[in-house]
N, C-alpha and C. Protein backbone atom coordinates (compact mmCIF):
# COMPACT_ATOMS: atom_id res chain seq x y z
N MET A 1 -25.22 -37.92 -18.14
CA MET A 1 -25.53 -36.62 -18.68
C MET A 1 -24.38 -35.65 -18.47
N ILE A 2 -24.29 -34.74 -19.37
CA ILE A 2 -23.25 -33.72 -19.28
C ILE A 2 -23.81 -32.54 -18.50
N SER A 3 -23.06 -32.11 -17.49
CA SER A 3 -23.52 -30.97 -16.70
C SER A 3 -23.12 -29.67 -17.38
N ASP A 4 -23.93 -28.67 -17.18
CA ASP A 4 -23.69 -27.36 -17.76
C ASP A 4 -22.62 -26.63 -16.93
N PRO A 5 -21.46 -26.30 -17.52
CA PRO A 5 -20.40 -25.65 -16.73
C PRO A 5 -20.79 -24.24 -16.29
N SER A 6 -21.71 -23.59 -16.97
CA SER A 6 -22.08 -22.23 -16.58
C SER A 6 -22.95 -22.21 -15.33
N SER A 7 -23.52 -23.36 -14.96
CA SER A 7 -24.38 -23.41 -13.78
C SER A 7 -23.57 -23.50 -12.48
N LYS A 8 -22.32 -23.88 -12.58
CA LYS A 8 -21.49 -23.99 -11.39
C LYS A 8 -20.83 -22.65 -11.09
N LYS A 9 -20.91 -22.25 -9.84
CA LYS A 9 -20.27 -21.01 -9.42
C LYS A 9 -18.88 -21.34 -8.89
N PRO A 10 -17.87 -20.55 -9.29
CA PRO A 10 -16.53 -20.82 -8.77
C PRO A 10 -16.46 -20.49 -7.28
N ASN A 11 -15.72 -21.30 -6.57
CA ASN A 11 -15.51 -21.06 -5.13
C ASN A 11 -14.31 -20.15 -4.95
N LEU A 12 -14.58 -18.88 -4.72
CA LEU A 12 -13.50 -17.93 -4.52
C LEU A 12 -13.28 -17.72 -3.03
N ASP A 13 -12.05 -17.51 -2.70
CA ASP A 13 -11.69 -17.19 -1.33
C ASP A 13 -12.33 -15.85 -0.95
N PRO A 14 -12.94 -15.74 0.22
CA PRO A 14 -13.57 -14.46 0.61
C PRO A 14 -12.59 -13.30 0.63
N ASN A 15 -11.32 -13.57 0.92
CA ASN A 15 -10.32 -12.50 0.92
C ASN A 15 -10.10 -11.94 -0.48
N LEU A 16 -10.19 -12.80 -1.49
CA LEU A 16 -10.01 -12.33 -2.86
C LEU A 16 -11.16 -11.43 -3.29
N LYS A 17 -12.35 -11.73 -2.80
CA LYS A 17 -13.49 -10.88 -3.13
C LYS A 17 -13.31 -9.48 -2.55
N ASN A 18 -12.77 -9.40 -1.35
CA ASN A 18 -12.56 -8.10 -0.72
C ASN A 18 -11.43 -7.31 -1.38
N LEU A 19 -10.47 -8.00 -1.97
CA LEU A 19 -9.32 -7.33 -2.56
C LEU A 19 -9.49 -7.08 -4.05
N GLY A 20 -10.63 -7.40 -4.60
CA GLY A 20 -10.85 -7.26 -6.04
C GLY A 20 -10.67 -5.85 -6.55
N GLY A 21 -11.16 -4.87 -5.82
CA GLY A 21 -11.07 -3.49 -6.27
C GLY A 21 -9.91 -2.72 -5.68
N LEU A 22 -9.01 -3.41 -5.03
CA LEU A 22 -7.89 -2.74 -4.36
C LEU A 22 -7.00 -1.99 -5.34
N GLY A 23 -6.76 -2.58 -6.49
CA GLY A 23 -5.92 -1.92 -7.49
C GLY A 23 -6.51 -0.61 -7.97
N PHE A 24 -7.83 -0.60 -8.17
CA PHE A 24 -8.50 0.63 -8.59
C PHE A 24 -8.48 1.67 -7.48
N GLN A 25 -8.64 1.24 -6.25
CA GLN A 25 -8.58 2.18 -5.13
C GLN A 25 -7.20 2.82 -5.03
N LEU A 26 -6.16 2.01 -5.14
CA LEU A 26 -4.80 2.54 -5.04
C LEU A 26 -4.47 3.46 -6.21
N ALA A 27 -4.90 3.07 -7.40
CA ALA A 27 -4.65 3.91 -8.58
C ALA A 27 -5.37 5.24 -8.45
N GLY A 28 -6.62 5.21 -8.01
CA GLY A 28 -7.37 6.45 -7.83
C GLY A 28 -6.76 7.34 -6.77
N PHE A 29 -6.31 6.75 -5.68
CA PHE A 29 -5.66 7.51 -4.61
C PHE A 29 -4.38 8.18 -5.11
N ASN A 30 -3.56 7.42 -5.84
CA ASN A 30 -2.31 7.98 -6.37
C ASN A 30 -2.59 9.08 -7.39
N LEU A 31 -3.54 8.87 -8.27
CA LEU A 31 -3.86 9.89 -9.27
C LEU A 31 -4.38 11.17 -8.61
N LEU A 32 -5.17 11.02 -7.57
CA LEU A 32 -5.67 12.20 -6.85
C LEU A 32 -4.52 13.00 -6.25
N PHE A 33 -3.58 12.32 -5.61
CA PHE A 33 -2.44 13.03 -5.01
C PHE A 33 -1.53 13.65 -6.08
N PHE A 34 -1.32 12.94 -7.18
CA PHE A 34 -0.51 13.50 -8.27
C PHE A 34 -1.15 14.77 -8.80
N TRP A 35 -2.47 14.71 -9.00
CA TRP A 35 -3.19 15.86 -9.54
C TRP A 35 -3.14 17.05 -8.56
N LEU A 36 -3.33 16.77 -7.26
CA LEU A 36 -3.27 17.85 -6.28
C LEU A 36 -1.90 18.51 -6.24
N GLY A 37 -0.84 17.71 -6.27
CA GLY A 37 0.51 18.27 -6.28
C GLY A 37 0.78 19.08 -7.53
N TYR A 38 0.30 18.61 -8.66
CA TYR A 38 0.48 19.33 -9.93
C TYR A 38 -0.25 20.67 -9.89
N ARG A 39 -1.49 20.65 -9.38
CA ARG A 39 -2.28 21.88 -9.33
C ARG A 39 -1.66 22.90 -8.34
N LEU A 40 -1.15 22.42 -7.23
CA LEU A 40 -0.49 23.33 -6.28
C LEU A 40 0.73 23.99 -6.91
N ASP A 41 1.54 23.20 -7.59
CA ASP A 41 2.73 23.76 -8.24
C ASP A 41 2.34 24.72 -9.36
N GLU A 42 1.27 24.42 -10.04
CA GLU A 42 0.81 25.28 -11.13
C GLU A 42 0.33 26.62 -10.58
N ASN A 43 -0.37 26.61 -9.46
CA ASN A 43 -0.90 27.84 -8.87
C ASN A 43 0.18 28.68 -8.19
N ILE A 44 1.16 28.04 -7.57
CA ILE A 44 2.21 28.77 -6.86
C ILE A 44 3.32 29.20 -7.81
N ASP A 45 3.45 28.53 -8.93
CA ASP A 45 4.42 28.88 -9.98
C ASP A 45 5.87 28.75 -9.49
N ASN A 46 6.20 27.57 -8.97
CA ASN A 46 7.57 27.26 -8.57
C ASN A 46 8.40 26.88 -9.79
N ARG A 47 9.71 27.11 -9.69
CA ARG A 47 10.60 26.63 -10.76
C ARG A 47 10.80 25.14 -10.67
N PHE A 48 10.79 24.61 -9.46
CA PHE A 48 10.93 23.18 -9.23
C PHE A 48 9.59 22.64 -8.72
N PRO A 49 9.11 21.52 -9.25
CA PRO A 49 7.80 21.00 -8.83
C PRO A 49 7.84 20.35 -7.44
N LEU A 50 8.02 21.18 -6.43
CA LEU A 50 8.17 20.70 -5.06
C LEU A 50 6.94 19.97 -4.55
N PHE A 51 5.77 20.56 -4.74
CA PHE A 51 4.55 19.95 -4.23
C PHE A 51 4.22 18.66 -4.97
N LEU A 52 4.55 18.57 -6.23
CA LEU A 52 4.34 17.33 -6.98
C LEU A 52 5.21 16.21 -6.42
N VAL A 53 6.47 16.51 -6.14
CA VAL A 53 7.37 15.50 -5.58
C VAL A 53 6.89 15.06 -4.20
N ILE A 54 6.49 16.02 -3.37
CA ILE A 54 6.01 15.68 -2.03
C ILE A 54 4.74 14.84 -2.11
N SER A 55 3.81 15.22 -3.00
CA SER A 55 2.56 14.47 -3.10
C SER A 55 2.78 13.07 -3.66
N VAL A 56 3.72 12.92 -4.57
CA VAL A 56 4.03 11.59 -5.11
C VAL A 56 4.60 10.70 -4.00
N LEU A 57 5.55 11.22 -3.23
CA LEU A 57 6.13 10.43 -2.16
C LEU A 57 5.09 10.08 -1.09
N LEU A 58 4.24 11.03 -0.74
CA LEU A 58 3.19 10.76 0.24
C LEU A 58 2.21 9.70 -0.26
N SER A 59 1.84 9.79 -1.52
CA SER A 59 0.87 8.83 -2.05
C SER A 59 1.46 7.43 -2.15
N VAL A 60 2.73 7.33 -2.49
CA VAL A 60 3.36 6.01 -2.57
C VAL A 60 3.46 5.38 -1.19
N PHE A 61 3.92 6.14 -0.21
CA PHE A 61 4.02 5.60 1.15
C PHE A 61 2.64 5.26 1.72
N ALA A 62 1.66 6.12 1.48
CA ALA A 62 0.30 5.85 1.97
C ALA A 62 -0.30 4.64 1.28
N SER A 63 0.00 4.45 0.00
CA SER A 63 -0.51 3.29 -0.73
C SER A 63 0.09 2.00 -0.19
N PHE A 64 1.38 2.00 0.07
CA PHE A 64 2.01 0.82 0.65
C PHE A 64 1.45 0.51 2.03
N TRP A 65 1.24 1.56 2.84
CA TRP A 65 0.68 1.37 4.17
C TRP A 65 -0.73 0.77 4.08
N TYR A 66 -1.54 1.30 3.17
CA TYR A 66 -2.91 0.81 3.00
C TYR A 66 -2.91 -0.62 2.48
N LEU A 67 -2.02 -0.92 1.55
CA LEU A 67 -1.92 -2.27 0.98
C LEU A 67 -1.52 -3.28 2.06
N ILE A 68 -0.54 -2.95 2.85
CA ILE A 68 -0.09 -3.86 3.92
C ILE A 68 -1.21 -4.04 4.95
N LYS A 69 -1.89 -2.95 5.28
CA LYS A 69 -2.98 -3.03 6.24
C LYS A 69 -4.10 -3.94 5.73
N LYS A 70 -4.44 -3.82 4.46
CA LYS A 70 -5.51 -4.63 3.88
C LYS A 70 -5.10 -6.10 3.76
N LEU A 71 -3.85 -6.36 3.43
CA LEU A 71 -3.40 -7.74 3.23
C LEU A 71 -3.23 -8.50 4.55
N LYS A 72 -3.06 -7.79 5.66
CA LYS A 72 -2.93 -8.45 6.94
C LYS A 72 -4.25 -8.97 7.46
N LYS A 73 -5.36 -8.47 6.96
CA LYS A 73 -6.68 -8.91 7.43
C LYS A 73 -6.98 -10.33 7.05
């Protein structure tokens, strides 16, 4: 008899299940920091987007730190 392939569940590594939403978490975190820096610069009315640059750098470093922390588990 031919077995139904839809009845078999794939065996995924438990670590992959935990990391499934990591990309969305990092993207959301970066977008939040970009938006906050943009809004600060918009409200303070600087000629140079200082807060945007600072928030981008902070979000990138924090994202790498979070990614490394999660991957070491």
